[in-house]
Amino acid sequence: MTRRRKWGPIGVTAGLTLTFAVLLGIGTVRPDAGGTPAPTISAAQPAAGPPWLRRYAPDELPPQFVLFSFDGAGSHAHWERIRTAAKSSNAHVTAFLSGVYLLPDARATEYTAPGGRPGMSAIGFGGTPDDVDTLVTDLNQARSAGHEIASHYNGHYCKGVEPATAWTTPDWTAELDQFLRLLDTAPGLEVDREHIKGARTPCLDAHPGAVLPVLAKHGMSYDASQLSEGLAWPVLRDGVWQFWVPQVRVPALKNRRVILMDYNLSQAMNRAKDEPGRAEEFATIALDTYRSAYQSALAGNRAPLVVGTHFTDWSGDAFTLATERFMAEVCTKPETVCATYSEVIDWMLRQNPAVLDALRALPQPEAT
């Protein structure tokens, strides 16, 4: 994507209003041109839910959405922390669940990665039956609190690593089918395949042409696996919403460009070496990066800000600390909505398509 200069905070309201007015008057090219038109909800239909879930006027600034997303989602300790943080800040989050965590170690051979052997997984399995029962309880509580469970597929094999060196559409179909089967067969789990609306591929590196048809065939709404330079609004591709993981500048690292995921930040800070004694230092660097990206989006095109993390304790749980602190800071701000991916889609479906096109046409800001 072409990088452009971001808009400053002084002129953003007037600029957004003027852009909306011009594009509404002359029309625009849809980002999904040649594909399925984006569905919309009639303006006459009353909006249900929170006050922001409605059709906005062309001269209104959209909410600043923040999407807290967690890959793996198998740690009880992290579920307890994130549920507590989200509740206190009125936030909803999205957990991309690795399906193998629903299989006790003793039943590992019930999963076979495409091209692999039964019982293979790059991230292990669910532990004891009691461990799996605890995870099921965590997932049920998360869903009842308004959080979203999505798919992180299963064995976490990445491109270039056997057996996932070149997974095709049939391979991703088999992987997703197994994820859904693991949901269906997990005792007591109240999250079933009808609740799974989106997915993120391991390591963010699957080709969209191989994955998007799989999601569309399964009736799913979004993919959260592709990268953008700067902060960009989702687009509709082949009937599936493509949410971007942004590449932003890290102020503490001389504005080095980094994917806004905890693993990538950790790599940029110290080559992902586990250094618990530097937890506060790393948490501060991550938090300042989140703040910078948030301010860039808020003063710019208001694209949903994706904050990507894992349920891990890297370097003294530095990134969980940063996430908790950032959530507490921004989610209670009047113009900010900390939402799930499906909630953002619900909002977009209520908008005039030309308004969304106007937002996509704005310069894509970066954290600076």
Protein backbone atom coordinates (compact mmCIF):
# COMPACT_ATOMS: atom_id res chain seq x y z
CA MET A 1 0.00 0.00 0.00
CA THR A 2 1.15 3.54 -0.71
CA ARG A 3 2.12 5.42 2.40
CA ARG A 4 0.67 8.90 2.69
CA ARG A 5 1.00 11.74 5.17
CA LYS A 6 -1.46 11.45 8.02
CA TRP A 7 -4.00 14.16 8.84
CA GLY A 8 -3.35 16.36 11.85
CA PRO A 9 -5.83 16.70 14.72
CA ILE A 10 -6.78 20.35 13.95
CA GLY A 11 -8.30 19.81 10.55
CA VAL A 12 -9.64 16.27 10.85
CA THR A 13 -13.31 17.10 11.47
CA ALA A 14 -13.58 19.53 8.61
CA GLY A 15 -11.52 17.27 6.37
CA LEU A 16 -13.59 14.17 7.04
CA THR A 17 -16.82 16.11 6.52
CA LEU A 18 -15.63 17.57 3.22
CA THR A 19 -14.41 14.20 1.98
CA PHE A 20 -17.71 12.51 2.85
CA ALA A 21 -19.68 15.24 1.08
CA VAL A 22 -17.60 15.03 -2.10
CA LEU A 23 -17.63 11.23 -2.29
CA LEU A 24 -21.33 11.00 -1.54
CA GLY A 25 -21.97 13.41 -4.37
CA ILE A 26 -19.82 11.79 -7.08
CA GLY A 27 -19.82 8.14 -6.01
CA THR A 28 -16.78 5.94 -5.44
CA VAL A 29 -15.24 2.66 -6.51
CA ARG A 30 -16.09 -0.06 -4.00
CA PRO A 31 -13.10 -1.84 -2.44
CA ASP A 32 -14.69 -5.16 -3.36
CA ALA A 33 -15.28 -4.20 -7.00
CA GLY A 34 -15.95 -7.30 -9.04
CA GLY A 35 -17.01 -9.31 -6.00
CA THR A 36 -20.18 -9.59 -3.99
CA PRO A 37 -21.61 -6.17 -3.07
CA ALA A 38 -21.47 -5.38 0.63
CA PRO A 39 -24.84 -5.94 2.33
CA THR A 40 -26.34 -3.03 4.20
CA ILE A 41 -29.09 -2.57 6.78
CA SER A 42 -31.96 -0.31 5.82
CA ALA A 43 -31.77 3.19 7.28
CA ALA A 44 -35.38 2.78 8.38
CA GLN A 45 -34.54 -0.23 10.51
CA PRO A 46 -34.14 0.82 14.16
CA ALA A 47 -30.69 0.24 15.57
CA ALA A 48 -30.51 -2.16 18.48
CA GLY A 49 -27.88 -2.24 21.16
CA PRO A 50 -25.48 0.48 22.32
CA PRO A 51 -25.87 4.11 21.15
CA TRP A 52 -22.99 3.87 18.65
CA LEU A 53 -24.59 0.93 16.82
CA ARG A 54 -26.56 3.00 14.32
CA ARG A 55 -26.28 4.63 10.93
CA TYR A 56 -24.10 7.74 11.10
CA ALA A 57 -24.75 10.94 9.15
CA PRO A 58 -22.21 11.82 6.43
CA ASP A 59 -20.77 14.64 8.54
CA GLU A 60 -20.38 12.56 11.72
CA LEU A 61 -17.05 11.22 12.85
CA PRO A 62 -17.21 7.44 13.30
CA PRO A 63 -16.31 5.84 16.62
CA GLN A 64 -12.68 5.02 17.17
CA PHE A 65 -12.88 1.25 17.37
CA VAL A 66 -10.14 -0.66 19.20
CA LEU A 67 -9.98 -4.40 18.58
CA PHE A 68 -8.16 -6.29 21.32
CA SER A 69 -7.37 -9.74 19.93
CA PHE A 70 -5.69 -12.68 21.62
CA ASP A 71 -4.20 -15.64 19.75
CA GLY A 72 -4.25 -19.14 21.25
CA ALA A 73 -6.61 -18.30 24.12
CA GLY A 74 -5.73 -21.39 26.16
CA SER A 75 -4.40 -19.89 29.40
CA HIS A 76 -6.70 -19.80 32.42
CA ALA A 77 -4.57 -17.20 34.20
CA HIS A 78 -4.73 -14.87 31.21
CA TRP A 79 -8.46 -15.38 30.76
CA GLU A 80 -8.99 -14.30 34.35
CA ARG A 81 -6.88 -11.18 33.88
CA ILE A 82 -8.39 -10.14 30.56
CA ARG A 83 -11.99 -10.74 31.66
CA THR A 84 -11.35 -8.60 34.73
CA ALA A 85 -9.69 -5.81 32.74
CA ALA A 86 -12.40 -5.84 30.09
CA LYS A 87 -15.21 -5.74 32.64
CA SER A 88 -13.74 -2.76 34.46
CA SER A 89 -13.29 -0.80 31.22
CA ASN A 90 -16.52 -1.84 29.43
CA ALA A 91 -14.57 -3.58 26.67
CA HIS A 92 -15.31 -6.58 24.50
CA VAL A 93 -12.40 -8.62 23.11
CA THR A 94 -11.89 -11.32 20.50
CA ALA A 95 -10.05 -14.56 21.27
CA PHE A 96 -8.67 -16.56 18.35
CA LEU A 97 -8.80 -20.05 19.82
CA SER A 98 -6.38 -22.82 18.84
CA GLY A 99 -8.64 -25.86 18.55
CA VAL A 100 -6.04 -28.36 19.81
CA TYR A 101 -6.40 -26.83 23.27
CA LEU A 102 -9.78 -28.54 23.44
CA LEU A 103 -8.10 -31.96 23.13
CA PRO A 104 -6.53 -33.56 26.22
CA ASP A 105 -3.01 -34.79 25.60
CA ALA A 106 -4.19 -38.39 25.81
CA ARG A 107 -6.48 -37.82 22.80
CA ALA A 108 -3.94 -35.97 20.65
CA THR A 109 -4.17 -38.43 17.77
CA GLU A 110 -7.73 -37.26 17.11
CA TYR A 111 -6.16 -34.29 15.30
CA THR A 112 -4.18 -34.64 12.09
CA ALA A 113 -2.68 -31.58 10.43
CA PRO A 114 -3.04 -31.56 6.63
CA GLY A 115 0.03 -33.39 5.33
CA GLY A 116 1.08 -34.34 8.85
CA ARG A 117 0.84 -37.29 11.20
CA PRO A 118 -1.90 -37.89 13.78
CA GLY A 119 -1.08 -36.22 17.08
CA MET A 120 1.28 -33.58 15.65
CA SER A 121 0.94 -29.99 16.88
CA ALA A 122 3.46 -27.16 17.03
CA ILE A 123 1.88 -25.87 20.25
CA GLY A 124 0.98 -29.09 22.03
CA PHE A 125 -2.53 -29.95 23.19
CA GLY A 126 -4.90 -29.20 26.03
CA GLY A 127 -3.20 -30.97 28.93
CA THR A 128 -5.29 -33.02 31.33
CA PRO A 129 -9.06 -33.45 31.08
CA ASP A 130 -9.35 -31.06 34.03
CA ASP A 131 -7.30 -28.48 32.13
CA VAL A 132 -9.67 -28.75 29.18
CA ASP A 133 -12.69 -28.46 31.48
CA THR A 134 -11.21 -25.25 32.89
CA LEU A 135 -10.73 -23.85 29.38
CA VAL A 136 -14.32 -24.74 28.48
CA THR A 137 -15.51 -22.82 31.54
CA ASP A 138 -13.32 -19.84 30.55
CA LEU A 139 -14.72 -19.83 27.02
CA ASN A 140 -18.30 -20.08 28.24
CA GLN A 141 -17.79 -17.21 30.68
CA ALA A 142 -16.15 -15.11 27.97
CA ARG A 143 -19.02 -15.61 25.59
CA SER A 144 -21.62 -14.81 28.26
CA ALA A 145 -19.74 -11.55 28.97
CA GLY A 146 -20.04 -10.46 25.33
CA HIS A 147 -16.58 -11.45 24.13
CA GLU A 148 -16.10 -13.19 20.80
CA ILE A 149 -14.48 -16.57 20.15
CA ALA A 150 -12.97 -16.98 16.69
CA SER A 151 -10.72 -19.57 15.07
CA HIS A 152 -6.94 -19.70 15.16
CA TYR A 153 -7.22 -23.07 13.43
CA ASN A 154 -5.38 -25.89 15.23
CA GLY A 155 -1.75 -26.97 15.19
CA HIS A 156 -0.22 -23.51 14.57
CA TYR A 157 1.88 -24.51 11.60
CA CYS A 158 3.33 -21.59 9.69
CA LYS A 159 4.40 -21.13 6.10
CA GLY A 160 7.75 -22.77 5.45
CA VAL A 161 7.36 -25.14 8.40
CA GLU A 162 6.37 -28.72 7.69
CA PRO A 163 3.67 -29.79 7.14
CA ALA A 164 2.21 -26.36 6.29
CA THR A 165 4.79 -25.21 3.74
CA ALA A 166 2.18 -24.66 1.03
CA TRP A 167 -1.30 -25.40 2.31
CA THR A 168 -3.95 -25.14 -0.35
CA THR A 169 -7.63 -24.30 -0.10
CA PRO A 170 -8.51 -27.99 0.49
CA ASP A 171 -5.88 -28.12 3.25
CA TRP A 172 -7.31 -25.05 5.00
CA THR A 173 -10.77 -26.55 4.59
CA ALA A 174 -9.63 -29.70 6.37
CA GLU A 175 -7.97 -27.63 9.11
CA LEU A 176 -11.07 -25.50 9.70
CA ASP A 177 -13.38 -28.53 9.59
CA GLN A 178 -11.31 -30.13 12.33
CA PHE A 179 -11.47 -26.95 14.40
CA LEU A 180 -15.26 -26.93 14.14
CA ARG A 181 -15.43 -30.63 14.98
CA LEU A 182 -13.36 -30.02 18.11
CA LEU A 183 -15.84 -27.34 19.15
CA ASP A 184 -18.78 -29.63 18.54
CA THR A 185 -17.29 -32.46 20.59
CA ALA A 186 -15.92 -30.48 23.57
CA PRO A 187 -18.08 -31.52 26.56
CA GLY A 188 -20.01 -28.63 28.04
CA LEU A 189 -18.77 -26.01 25.59
CA GLU A 190 -21.46 -23.43 24.85
CA VAL A 191 -19.58 -22.01 21.85
CA ASP A 192 -20.54 -23.91 18.72
CA ARG A 193 -19.79 -23.49 15.03
CA GLU A 194 -22.65 -21.02 14.62
CA HIS A 195 -20.83 -18.61 16.93
CA ILE A 196 -17.56 -18.71 14.96
CA LYS A 197 -17.66 -15.79 12.54
CA GLY A 198 -13.99 -15.24 11.79
CA ALA A 199 -10.45 -16.57 11.86
CA ARG A 200 -6.79 -15.63 11.99
CA THR A 201 -4.17 -17.85 10.42
CA PRO A 202 -1.06 -18.81 12.43
CA CYS A 203 1.83 -16.40 11.81
CA LEU A 204 -0.43 -14.24 9.59
CA ASP A 205 1.10 -15.75 6.48
CA ALA A 206 -1.53 -17.76 4.57
CA HIS A 207 -2.36 -16.39 1.13
CA PRO A 208 -5.84 -14.81 1.17
CA GLY A 209 -6.67 -16.56 -2.09
CA ALA A 210 -6.29 -19.90 -0.31
CA VAL A 211 -8.14 -18.96 2.90
CA LEU A 212 -10.98 -16.59 2.02
CA PRO A 213 -12.91 -19.14 -0.08
CA VAL A 214 -12.81 -21.52 2.90
CA LEU A 215 -14.30 -18.94 5.24
CA ALA A 216 -16.95 -17.93 2.71
CA LYS A 217 -17.95 -21.56 2.13
CA HIS A 218 -18.40 -22.01 5.88
CA GLY A 219 -20.57 -18.90 6.14
CA MET A 220 -17.99 -16.98 8.16
CA SER A 221 -17.78 -13.18 8.06
CA TYR A 222 -14.17 -12.11 8.42
CA ASP A 223 -10.48 -12.89 8.24
CA ALA A 224 -7.94 -11.09 10.48
CA SER A 225 -4.69 -12.30 8.97
CA GLN A 226 -3.39 -9.77 6.44
CA LEU A 227 -1.03 -6.85 6.99
CA SER A 228 -1.47 -3.18 6.15
CA GLU A 229 1.02 -0.34 6.04
CA GLY A 230 -0.51 2.01 8.55
CA LEU A 231 -4.09 1.95 9.80
CA ALA A 232 -6.70 0.89 7.26
CA TRP A 233 -10.44 0.26 7.20
CA PRO A 234 -11.66 -3.30 6.48
CA VAL A 235 -12.62 -4.22 2.93
CA LEU A 236 -14.94 -6.91 1.62
CA ARG A 237 -13.24 -9.60 -0.49
CA ASP A 238 -15.15 -12.51 -1.94
CA GLY A 239 -17.92 -11.98 0.60
CA VAL A 240 -15.52 -11.96 3.58
CA TRP A 241 -14.45 -8.86 5.53
CA GLN A 242 -10.68 -8.45 5.55
CA PHE A 243 -9.48 -6.84 8.78
CA TRP A 244 -5.88 -5.66 8.71
CA VAL A 245 -3.12 -6.15 11.25
CA PRO A 246 -1.28 -2.82 10.98
CA GLN A 247 2.40 -2.12 10.66
CA VAL A 248 3.16 0.97 12.74
CA ARG A 249 6.09 2.97 14.04
CA VAL A 250 7.54 2.21 17.50
CA PRO A 251 8.53 5.55 19.07
CA ALA A 252 11.03 4.01 21.52
CA LEU A 253 12.84 2.16 18.71
CA LYS A 254 13.59 5.22 16.56
CA ASN A 255 10.22 4.86 14.80
CA ARG A 256 11.10 1.43 13.47
CA ARG A 257 8.18 -0.09 11.57
CA VAL A 258 6.79 -3.18 13.37
CA ILE A 259 3.68 -5.34 13.03
CA LEU A 260 1.39 -4.44 15.94
CA MET A 261 1.55 -7.85 17.58
CA ASP A 262 3.27 -8.66 20.86
CA TYR A 263 5.56 -11.25 19.26
CA ASN A 264 6.77 -8.79 16.64
CA LEU A 265 7.30 -6.08 19.25
CA SER A 266 9.27 -8.56 21.31
CA GLN A 267 11.42 -9.42 18.30
CA ALA A 268 12.08 -5.74 17.66
CA MET A 269 12.97 -5.04 21.30
CA ASN A 270 15.41 -7.87 22.06
CA ARG A 271 15.00 -10.62 19.44
CA ALA A 272 12.24 -12.15 21.59
CA LYS A 273 14.64 -13.16 24.35
CA ASP A 274 12.78 -13.89 27.58
CA GLU A 275 13.92 -11.23 30.07
CA PRO A 276 11.46 -11.02 32.99
CA GLY A 277 13.61 -8.41 34.70
CA ARG A 278 12.82 -5.96 31.88
CA ALA A 279 9.05 -6.40 32.10
CA GLU A 280 8.31 -2.77 33.00
CA GLU A 281 10.64 -1.46 30.30
CA PHE A 282 9.04 -3.61 27.61
CA ALA A 283 5.51 -2.89 28.85
CA THR A 284 6.22 0.84 28.60
CA ILE A 285 7.54 0.52 25.04
CA ALA A 286 4.48 -1.50 24.00
CA LEU A 287 2.05 0.86 25.75
CA ASP A 288 3.63 3.93 24.14
CA THR A 289 3.32 2.22 20.75
CA TYR A 290 -0.36 1.46 21.35
CA ARG A 291 -0.94 5.07 22.44
CA SER A 292 0.82 6.45 19.38
CA ALA A 293 -1.17 4.24 16.99
CA TYR A 294 -4.41 5.14 18.75
CA GLN A 295 -3.75 8.88 18.52
CA SER A 296 -2.84 8.53 14.83
CA ALA A 297 -6.09 6.73 14.09
CA LEU A 298 -8.19 9.08 16.22
CA ALA A 299 -6.80 12.18 14.52
CA GLY A 300 -6.72 10.54 11.10
CA ASN A 301 -9.04 8.15 9.30
CA ARG A 302 -10.49 6.53 12.45
CA ALA A 303 -9.69 3.05 11.14
CA PRO A 304 -10.25 0.26 13.69
CA LEU A 305 -7.05 -0.21 15.66
CA VAL A 306 -6.10 -3.88 16.01
CA VAL A 307 -3.97 -4.68 19.07
CA GLY A 308 -2.67 -8.20 18.64
CA THR A 309 -1.43 -10.26 21.57
CA HIS A 310 -1.08 -13.84 22.79
CA PHE A 311 -1.93 -15.57 26.03
CA THR A 312 1.75 -15.90 26.97
CA ASP A 313 4.00 -14.64 29.74
CA TRP A 314 6.90 -13.43 27.59
CA SER A 315 9.38 -11.27 29.51
CA GLY A 316 7.47 -11.16 32.75
CA ASP A 317 4.08 -10.83 31.05
CA ALA A 318 5.09 -7.40 29.77
CA PHE A 319 2.59 -7.39 26.93
CA THR A 320 -0.34 -8.38 29.11
CA LEU A 321 0.58 -5.50 31.41
CA ALA A 322 0.64 -3.10 28.45
CA THR A 323 -2.68 -4.41 27.17
CA GLU A 324 -4.39 -4.05 30.55
CA ARG A 325 -3.11 -0.50 30.97
CA PHE A 326 -4.04 0.54 27.44
CA MET A 327 -7.50 -0.97 27.79
CA ALA A 328 -8.07 0.97 31.01
CA GLU A 329 -6.94 4.20 29.32
CA VAL A 330 -8.87 4.20 26.06
CA CYS A 331 -11.97 2.04 26.42
CA THR A 332 -13.76 4.52 28.68
CA LYS A 333 -13.13 7.52 26.39
CA PRO A 334 -16.38 8.93 24.95
CA GLU A 335 -15.42 8.56 21.27
CA THR A 336 -13.85 5.11 21.65
CA VAL A 337 -15.49 1.69 21.40
CA CYS A 338 -13.50 -1.40 22.38
CA ALA A 339 -15.41 -3.99 20.39
CA THR A 340 -15.26 -7.42 18.82
CA TYR A 341 -14.76 -7.94 15.11
CA SER A 342 -18.40 -8.94 14.66
CA GLU A 343 -19.55 -5.80 16.47
CA VAL A 344 -17.52 -3.64 14.08
CA ILE A 345 -19.07 -5.52 11.15
CA ASP A 346 -22.53 -4.84 12.58
CA TRP A 347 -21.66 -1.14 12.67
CA MET A 348 -20.32 -1.13 9.10
CA LEU A 349 -23.41 -2.87 7.76
CA ARG A 350 -25.53 -0.03 9.11
CA GLN A 351 -23.59 2.66 7.25
CA ASN A 352 -24.17 4.18 3.85
CA PRO A 353 -21.58 2.41 1.64
CA ALA A 354 -20.38 5.77 0.34
CA VAL A 355 -19.50 6.81 3.89
CA LEU A 356 -17.31 3.74 4.29
CA ASP A 357 -15.74 4.41 0.90
CA ALA A 358 -14.93 7.94 2.05
CA LEU A 359 -13.20 6.58 5.13
CA ARG A 360 -11.17 4.12 3.06
CA ALA A 361 -10.12 6.94 0.72
CA LEU A 362 -8.51 8.94 3.54
CA PRO A 363 -4.72 8.75 4.08
CA GLN A 364 -3.71 5.76 6.17
CA PRO A 365 -1.96 7.11 9.28
CA GLU A 366 0.95 5.46 11.03
CA ALA A 367 2.16 5.73 14.60
CA THR A 368 4.93 8.33 14.60
